[in-house]
Amino acid sequence: MGSFSLMHWIVVLAIILILFGAGKLPRVMGDFAKGIKAFKAGMKEEDEAETTPPAQVPPPGAAASAAAPAGAADRPREHV
């Protein structure tokens, strides 16, 4: 009693064909397939955006040494 038999599914299919007609059913299924493809493409784009690593930020010490002229760290500072 809890599951549908083959006869139930045949009746449901016949009702769907009567309601939508044989010409409309392929168009409806095509639109349904396009919707599924668009959904999958959107999910794929979202997954690719999440897996893209963030830009690497250099450590604070590296930025300070890059700003100083070459050899400046080796020379002692003069106080005026």
PDB file of N, CA and C in Angstrom:
ATOM      1  N   MET A   1       0.805  -1.179   0.000  1.00  0.00           N
ATOM      2  CA  MET A   1       0.000   0.000   0.000  1.00  0.00           C
ATOM      3  C   MET A   1       0.861   1.260   0.000  1.00  0.00           C
ATOM      4  N   GLY A   2       2.114   1.171   0.465  1.00  0.00           N
ATOM      5  CA  GLY A   2       2.959   2.345   0.570  1.00  0.00           C
ATOM      6  C   GLY A   2       3.668   2.718  -0.716  1.00  0.00           C
ATOM      7  N   SER A   3       3.821   1.782  -1.652  1.00  0.00           N
ATOM      8  CA  SER A   3       4.555   2.109  -2.877  1.00  0.00           C
ATOM      9  C   SER A   3       3.624   2.046  -4.084  1.00  0.00           C
ATOM     10  N   PHE A   4       4.050   2.695  -5.151  1.00  0.00           N
ATOM     11  CA  PHE A   4       3.259   2.711  -6.373  1.00  0.00           C
ATOM     12  C   PHE A   4       3.639   1.524  -7.238  1.00  0.00           C
ATOM     13  N   SER A   5       2.650   0.919  -7.863  1.00  0.00           N
ATOM     14  CA  SER A   5       2.906  -0.184  -8.774  1.00  0.00           C
ATOM     15  C   SER A   5       3.112   0.362 -10.185  1.00  0.00           C
ATOM     16  N   LEU A   6       3.418  -0.507 -11.095  1.00  0.00           N
ATOM     17  CA  LEU A   6       3.633  -0.119 -12.483  1.00  0.00           C
ATOM     18  C   LEU A   6       2.363   0.486 -13.078  1.00  0.00           C
ATOM     19  N   MET A   7       1.223  -0.049 -12.706  1.00  0.00           N
ATOM     20  CA  MET A   7      -0.050   0.465 -13.230  1.00  0.00           C
ATOM     21  C   MET A   7      -0.284   1.909 -12.783  1.00  0.00           C
ATOM     22  N   HIS A   8       0.079   2.245 -11.550  1.00  0.00           N
ATOM     23  CA  HIS A   8      -0.059   3.622 -11.068  1.00  0.00           C
ATOM     24  C   HIS A   8       0.777   4.580 -11.912  1.00  0.00           C
ATOM     25  N   TRP A   9       2.020   4.189 -12.202  1.00  0.00           N
ATOM     26  CA  TRP A   9       2.909   5.051 -12.979  1.00  0.00           C
ATOM     27  C   TRP A   9       2.403   5.235 -14.406  1.00  0.00           C
ATOM     28  N   ILE A  10       1.811   4.187 -14.987  1.00  0.00           N
ATOM     29  CA  ILE A  10       1.261   4.298 -16.342  1.00  0.00           C
ATOM     30  C   ILE A  10       0.095   5.285 -16.359  1.00  0.00           C
ATOM     31  N   VAL A  11      -0.765   5.229 -15.335  1.00  0.00           N
ATOM     32  CA  VAL A  11      -1.895   6.160 -15.250  1.00  0.00           C
ATOM     33  C   VAL A  11      -1.389   7.590 -15.087  1.00  0.00           C
ATOM     34  N   VAL A  12      -0.392   7.790 -14.235  1.00  0.00           N
ATOM     35  CA  VAL A  12       0.173   9.131 -14.031  1.00  0.00           C
ATOM     36  C   VAL A  12       0.769   9.652 -15.336  1.00  0.00           C
ATOM     37  N   LEU A  13       1.502   8.824 -16.052  1.00  0.00           N
ATOM     38  CA  LEU A  13       2.089   9.224 -17.331  1.00  0.00           C
ATOM     39  C   LEU A  13       1.006   9.577 -18.347  1.00  0.00           C
ATOM     40  N   ALA A  14      -0.073   8.806 -18.391  1.00  0.00           N
ATOM     41  CA  ALA A  14      -1.171   9.094 -19.317  1.00  0.00           C
ATOM     42  C   ALA A  14      -1.821  10.436 -18.986  1.00  0.00           C
ATOM     43  N   ILE A  15      -2.013  10.725 -17.700  1.00  0.00           N
ATOM     44  CA  ILE A  15      -2.608  12.008 -17.300  1.00  0.00           C
ATOM     45  C   ILE A  15      -1.697  13.166 -17.691  1.00  0.00           C
ATOM     46  N   ILE A  16      -0.398  12.994 -17.496  1.00  0.00           N
ATOM     47  CA  ILE A  16       0.559  14.046 -17.871  1.00  0.00           C
ATOM     48  C   ILE A  16       0.521  14.288 -19.374  1.00  0.00           C
ATOM     49  N   LEU A  17       0.462  13.213 -20.161  1.00  0.00           N
ATOM     50  CA  LEU A  17       0.397  13.372 -21.617  1.00  0.00           C
ATOM     51  C   LEU A  17      -0.890  14.063 -22.041  1.00  0.00           C
ATOM     52  N   ILE A  18      -1.992  13.774 -21.358  1.00  0.00           N
ATOM     53  CA  ILE A  18      -3.259  14.426 -21.701  1.00  0.00           C
ATOM     54  C   ILE A  18      -3.205  15.910 -21.356  1.00  0.00           C
ATOM     55  N   LEU A  19      -2.660  16.236 -20.181  1.00  0.00           N
ATOM     56  CA  LEU A  19      -2.613  17.632 -19.745  1.00  0.00           C
ATOM     57  C   LEU A  19      -1.676  18.475 -20.600  1.00  0.00           C
ATOM     58  N   PHE A  20      -0.488  17.967 -20.831  1.00  0.00           N
ATOM     59  CA  PHE A  20       0.518  18.756 -21.540  1.00  0.00           C
ATOM     60  C   PHE A  20       0.504  18.530 -23.043  1.00  0.00           C
ATOM     61  N   GLY A  21       0.015  17.412 -23.484  1.00  0.00           N
ATOM     62  CA  GLY A  21       0.026  17.098 -24.905  1.00  0.00           C
ATOM     63  C   GLY A  21       1.391  16.563 -25.312  1.00  0.00           C
ATOM     64  N   ALA A  22       1.417  15.831 -26.397  1.00  0.00           N
ATOM     65  CA  ALA A  22       2.660  15.210 -26.842  1.00  0.00           C
ATOM     66  C   ALA A  22       3.659  16.243 -27.347  1.00  0.00           C
ATOM     67  N   GLY A  23       3.183  17.368 -27.870  1.00  0.00           N
ATOM     68  CA  GLY A  23       4.082  18.387 -28.412  1.00  0.00           C
ATOM     69  C   GLY A  23       4.746  19.227 -27.344  1.00  0.00           C
ATOM     70  N   LYS A  24       4.035  19.475 -26.243  1.00  0.00           N
ATOM     71  CA  LYS A  24       4.578  20.336 -25.196  1.00  0.00           C
ATOM     72  C   LYS A  24       5.551  19.603 -24.287  1.00  0.00           C
ATOM     73  N   LEU A  25       5.392  18.306 -24.147  1.00  0.00           N
ATOM     74  CA  LEU A  25       6.220  17.558 -23.203  1.00  0.00           C
ATOM     75  C   LEU A  25       7.715  17.636 -23.524  1.00  0.00           C
ATOM     76  N   PRO A  26       8.156  17.457 -24.774  1.00  0.00           N
ATOM     77  CA  PRO A  26       9.594  17.600 -25.047  1.00  0.00           C
ATOM     78  C   PRO A  26      10.124  19.001 -24.743  1.00  0.00           C
ATOM     79  N   ARG A  27       9.313  20.020 -25.005  1.00  0.00           N
ATOM     80  CA  ARG A  27       9.739  21.390 -24.725  1.00  0.00           C
ATOM     81  C   ARG A  27       9.885  21.604 -23.218  1.00  0.00           C
ATOM     82  N   VAL A  28       8.926  21.064 -22.454  1.00  0.00           N
ATOM     83  CA  VAL A  28       8.989  21.196 -20.996  1.00  0.00           C
ATOM     84  C   VAL A  28      10.218  20.476 -20.458  1.00  0.00           C
ATOM     85  N   MET A  29      10.479  19.285 -20.959  1.00  0.00           N
ATOM     86  CA  MET A  29      11.647  18.525 -20.496  1.00  0.00           C
ATOM     87  C   MET A  29      12.944  19.214 -20.920  1.00  0.00           C
ATOM     88  N   GLY A  30      12.962  19.835 -22.099  1.00  0.00           N
ATOM     89  CA  GLY A  30      14.142  20.582 -22.543  1.00  0.00           C
ATOM     90  C   GLY A  30      14.410  21.781 -21.650  1.00  0.00           C
ATOM     91  N   ASP A  31      13.344  22.491 -21.280  1.00  0.00           N
ATOM     92  CA  ASP A  31      13.499  23.625 -20.360  1.00  0.00           C
ATOM     93  C   ASP A  31      13.986  23.156 -18.999  1.00  0.00           C
ATOM     94  N   PHE A  32      13.477  22.022 -18.561  1.00  0.00           N
ATOM     95  CA  PHE A  32      13.907  21.452 -17.280  1.00  0.00           C
ATOM     96  C   PHE A  32      15.397  21.098 -17.332  1.00  0.00           C
ATOM     97  N   ALA A  33      15.839  20.500 -18.441  1.00  0.00           N
ATOM     98  CA  ALA A  33      17.251  20.135 -18.592  1.00  0.00           C
ATOM     99  C   ALA A  33      18.137  21.378 -18.632  1.00  0.00           C
ATOM    100  N   LYS A  34      17.686  22.443 -19.302  1.00  0.00           N
ATOM    101  CA  LYS A  34      18.461  23.689 -19.334  1.00  0.00           C
ATOM    102  C   LYS A  34      18.597  24.282 -17.938  1.00  0.00           C
ATOM    103  N   GLY A  35      17.537  24.193 -17.153  1.00  0.00           N
ATOM    104  CA  GLY A  35      17.584  24.688 -15.776  1.00  0.00           C
ATOM    105  C   GLY A  35      18.579  23.917 -14.935  1.00  0.00           C
ATOM    106  N   ILE A  36      18.604  22.605 -15.108  1.00  0.00           N
ATOM    107  CA  ILE A  36      19.557  21.782 -14.357  1.00  0.00           C
ATOM    108  C   ILE A  36      20.984  22.114 -14.779  1.00  0.00           C
ATOM    109  N   LYS A  37      21.220  22.285 -16.076  1.00  0.00           N
ATOM    110  CA  LYS A  37      22.564  22.623 -16.558  1.00  0.00           C
ATOM    111  C   LYS A  37      23.016  23.975 -16.021  1.00  0.00           C
ATOM    112  N   ALA A  38      22.112  24.941 -15.998  1.00  0.00           N
ATOM    113  CA  ALA A  38      22.460  26.266 -15.470  1.00  0.00           C
ATOM    114  C   ALA A  38      22.768  26.185 -13.983  1.00  0.00           C
ATOM    115  N   PHE A  39      22.011  25.380 -13.256  1.00  0.00           N
ATOM    116  CA  PHE A  39      22.254  25.205 -11.823  1.00  0.00           C
ATOM    117  C   PHE A  39      23.622  24.570 -11.586  1.00  0.00           C
ATOM    118  N   LYS A  40      23.950  23.529 -12.350  1.00  0.00           N
ATOM    119  CA  LYS A  40      25.250  22.870 -12.198  1.00  0.00           C
ATOM    120  C   LYS A  40      26.391  23.821 -12.544  1.00  0.00           C
ATOM    121  N   ALA A  41      26.214  24.627 -13.590  1.00  0.00           N
ATOM    122  CA  ALA A  41      27.258  25.590 -13.964  1.00  0.00           C
ATOM    123  C   ALA A  41      27.452  26.619 -12.861  1.00  0.00           C
ATOM    124  N   GLY A  42      26.375  27.073 -12.258  1.00  0.00           N
ATOM    125  CA  GLY A  42      26.480  28.022 -11.148  1.00  0.00           C
ATOM    126  C   GLY A  42      27.178  27.421  -9.948  1.00  0.00           C
ATOM    127  N   MET A  43      26.887  26.156  -9.656  1.00  0.00           N
ATOM    128  CA  MET A  43      27.545  25.484  -8.534  1.00  0.00           C
ATOM    129  C   MET A  43      29.031  25.296  -8.826  1.00  0.00           C
ATOM    130  N   LYS A  44      29.370  24.990 -10.080  1.00  0.00           N
ATOM    131  CA  LYS A  44      30.770  24.802 -10.446  1.00  0.00           C
ATOM    132  C   LYS A  44      31.540  26.109 -10.314  1.00  0.00           C
ATOM    133  N   GLU A  45      30.941  27.222 -10.759  1.00  0.00           N
ATOM    134  CA  GLU A  45      31.596  28.530 -10.634  1.00  0.00           C
ATOM    135  C   GLU A  45      31.795  28.890  -9.168  1.00  0.00           C
ATOM    136  N   GLU A  46      30.819  28.563  -8.338  1.00  0.00           N
ATOM    137  CA  GLU A  46      30.927  28.863  -6.906  1.00  0.00           C
ATOM    138  C   GLU A  46      32.041  28.034  -6.273  1.00  0.00           C
ATOM    139  N   ASP A  47      32.153  26.751  -6.671  1.00  0.00           N
ATOM    140  CA  ASP A  47      33.215  25.903  -6.134  1.00  0.00           C
ATOM    141  C   ASP A  47      34.586  26.400  -6.569  1.00  0.00           C
ATOM    142  N   GLU A  48      34.702  26.844  -7.828  1.00  0.00           N
ATOM    143  CA  GLU A  48      35.985  27.354  -8.312  1.00  0.00           C
ATOM    144  C   GLU A  48      36.372  28.627  -7.580  1.00  0.00           C
ATOM    145  N   ALA A  49      35.405  29.468  -7.266  1.00  0.00           N
ATOM    146  CA  ALA A  49      35.691  30.711  -6.544  1.00  0.00           C
ATOM    147  C   ALA A  49      36.153  30.417  -5.122  1.00  0.00           C
ATOM    148  N   GLU A  50      35.606  29.374  -4.499  1.00  0.00           N
ATOM    149  CA  GLU A  50      35.996  29.026  -3.137  1.00  0.00           C
ATOM    150  C   GLU A  50      37.371  28.373  -3.096  1.00  0.00           C
ATOM    151  N   THR A  51      37.755  27.624  -4.139  1.00  0.00           N
ATOM    152  CA  THR A  51      39.030  26.928  -4.124  1.00  0.00           C
ATOM    153  C   THR A  51      40.190  27.812  -4.559  1.00  0.00           C
ATOM    154  N   THR A  52      39.924  28.991  -5.097  1.00  0.00           N
ATOM    155  CA  THR A  52      40.994  29.898  -5.489  1.00  0.00           C
ATOM    156  C   THR A  52      41.668  30.426  -4.234  1.00  0.00           C
ATOM    157  N   PRO A  53      42.990  30.210  -4.095  1.00  0.00           N
ATOM    158  CA  PRO A  53      43.664  30.671  -2.880  1.00  0.00           C
ATOM    159  C   PRO A  53      43.739  32.195  -2.840  1.00  0.00           C
ATOM    160  N   PRO A  54      43.688  32.767  -1.654  1.00  0.00           N
ATOM    161  CA  PRO A  54      43.805  34.227  -1.552  1.00  0.00           C
ATOM    162  C   PRO A  54      45.217  34.672  -1.914  1.00  0.00           C
ATOM    163  N   ALA A  55      45.356  35.924  -2.279  1.00  0.00           N
ATOM    164  CA  ALA A  55      46.664  36.463  -2.643  1.00  0.00           C
ATOM    165  C   ALA A  55      47.596  36.383  -1.439  1.00  0.00           C
ATOM    166  N   GLN A  56      48.839  36.002  -1.697  1.00  0.00           N
ATOM    167  CA  GLN A  56      49.796  35.865  -0.605  1.00  0.00           C
ATOM    168  C   GLN A  56      50.281  37.238  -0.174  1.00  0.00           C
ATOM    169  N   VAL A  57      50.243  37.463   1.124  1.00  0.00           N
ATOM    170  CA  VAL A  57      50.704  38.718   1.700  1.00  0.00           C
ATOM    171  C   VAL A  57      52.100  38.473   2.254  1.00  0.00           C
ATOM    172  N   PRO A  58      53.100  39.274   1.835  1.00  0.00           N
ATOM    173  CA  PRO A  58      54.456  39.056   2.347  1.00  0.00           C
ATOM    174  C   PRO A  58      54.509  39.392   3.836  1.00  0.00           C
ATOM    175  N   PRO A  59      55.405  38.734   4.575  1.00  0.00           N
ATOM    176  CA  PRO A  59      55.540  39.042   5.997  1.00  0.00           C
ATOM    177  C   PRO A  59      55.984  40.488   6.198  1.00  0.00           C
ATOM    178  N   PRO A  60      55.668  41.102   7.353  1.00  0.00           N
ATOM    179  CA  PRO A  60      56.004  42.515   7.573  1.00  0.00           C
ATOM    180  C   PRO A  60      57.498  42.807   7.451  1.00  0.00           C
ATOM    181  N   GLY A  61      58.367  41.910   7.858  1.00  0.00           N
ATOM    182  CA  GLY A  61      59.811  42.138   7.771  1.00  0.00           C
ATOM    183  C   GLY A  61      60.295  42.208   6.334  1.00  0.00           C
ATOM    184  N   ALA A  62      59.680  41.437   5.454  1.00  0.00           N
ATOM    185  CA  ALA A  62      60.098  41.432   4.053  1.00  0.00           C
ATOM    186  C   ALA A  62      59.741  42.752   3.382  1.00  0.00           C
ATOM    187  N   ALA A  63      58.636  43.345   3.748  1.00  0.00           N
ATOM    188  CA  ALA A  63      58.231  44.612   3.143  1.00  0.00           C
ATOM    189  C   ALA A  63      59.166  45.736   3.573  1.00  0.00           C
ATOM    190  N   ALA A  64      59.615  45.731   4.822  1.00  0.00           N
ATOM    191  CA  ALA A  64      60.508  46.780   5.311  1.00  0.00           C
ATOM    192  C   ALA A  64      61.884  46.665   4.670  1.00  0.00           C
ATOM    193  N   SER A  65      62.378  45.436   4.494  1.00  0.00           N
ATOM    194  CA  SER A  65      63.701  45.277   3.901  1.00  0.00           C
ATOM    195  C   SER A  65      63.664  45.574   2.407  1.00  0.00           C
ATOM    196  N   ALA A  66      62.530  45.357   1.752  1.00  0.00           N
ATOM    197  CA  ALA A  66      62.433  45.654   0.328  1.00  0.00           C
ATOM    198  C   ALA A  66      62.402  47.156   0.095  1.00  0.00           C
ATOM    199  N   ALA A  67      61.899  47.921   1.047  1.00  0.00           N
ATOM    200  CA  ALA A  67      61.810  49.364   0.891  1.00  0.00           C
ATOM    201  C   ALA A  67      63.157  50.038   1.137  1.00  0.00           C
ATOM    202  N   ALA A  68      64.024  49.416   1.926  1.00  0.00           N
ATOM    203  CA  ALA A  68      65.331  50.005   2.232  1.00  0.00           C
ATOM    204  C   ALA A  68      66.278  49.785   1.058  1.00  0.00           C
ATOM    205  N   PRO A  69      67.221  50.699   0.830  1.00  0.00           N
ATOM    206  CA  PRO A  69      68.191  50.512  -0.245  1.00  0.00           C
ATOM    207  C   PRO A  69      69.096  49.317   0.044  1.00  0.00           C
ATOM    208  N   ALA A  70      69.661  48.769  -1.008  1.00  0.00           N
ATOM    209  CA  ALA A  70      70.532  47.608  -0.870  1.00  0.00           C
ATOM    210  C   ALA A  70      71.732  47.946  -0.003  1.00  0.00           C
ATOM    211  N   GLY A  71      72.034  47.086   0.930  1.00  0.00           N
ATOM    212  CA  GLY A  71      73.182  47.287   1.806  1.00  0.00           C
ATOM    213  C   GLY A  71      72.893  48.196   2.980  1.00  0.00           C
ATOM    214  N   ALA A  72      71.718  48.745   3.106  1.00  0.00           N
ATOM    215  CA  ALA A  72      71.396  49.665   4.197  1.00  0.00           C
ATOM    216  C   ALA A  72      71.340  48.935   5.529  1.00  0.00           C
ATOM    217  N   ALA A  73      70.982  47.682   5.520  1.00  0.00           N
ATOM    218  CA  ALA A  73      70.896  46.933   6.770  1.00  0.00           C
ATOM    219  C   ALA A  73      72.290  46.613   7.307  1.00  0.00           C
ATOM    220  N   ASP A  74      73.290  46.565   6.424  1.00  0.00           N
ATOM    221  CA  ASP A  74      74.646  46.234   6.850  1.00  0.00           C
ATOM    222  C   ASP A  74      75.346  47.424   7.507  1.00  0.00           C
ATOM    223  N   ARG A  75      75.004  48.652   7.113  1.00  0.00           N
ATOM    224  CA  ARG A  75      75.676  49.835   7.651  1.00  0.00           C
ATOM    225  C   ARG A  75      75.020  50.275   8.960  1.00  0.00           C
ATOM    226  N   PRO A  76      75.815  50.725   9.897  1.00  0.00           N
ATOM    227  CA  PRO A  76      75.230  51.263  11.133  1.00  0.00           C
ATOM    228  C   PRO A  76      74.603  52.622  10.865  1.00  0.00           C
ATOM    229  N   ARG A  77      73.582  52.954  11.611  1.00  0.00           N
ATOM    230  CA  ARG A  77      72.903  54.236  11.440  1.00  0.00           C
ATOM    231  C   ARG A  77      73.670  55.330  12.158  1.00  0.00           C
ATOM    232  N   GLU A  78      73.687  56.486  11.547  1.00  0.00           N
ATOM    233  CA  GLU A  78      74.349  57.637  12.162  1.00  0.00           C
ATOM    234  C   GLU A  78      73.298  58.519  12.801  1.00  0.00           C
ATOM    235  N   HIS A  79      73.564  58.919  14.026  1.00  0.00           N
ATOM    236  CA  HIS A  79      72.642  59.817  14.715  1.00  0.00           C
ATOM    237  C   HIS A  79      73.147  61.235  14.571  1.00  0.00           C
ATOM    238  N   VAL A  80      72.325  62.122  14.226  1.00  0.00           N
ATOM    239  CA  VAL A  80      72.729  63.513  14.039  1.00  0.00           C
ATOM    240  C   VAL A  80      72.310  64.340  15.203  1.00  0.00           C
TER     241      VAL A  80
END
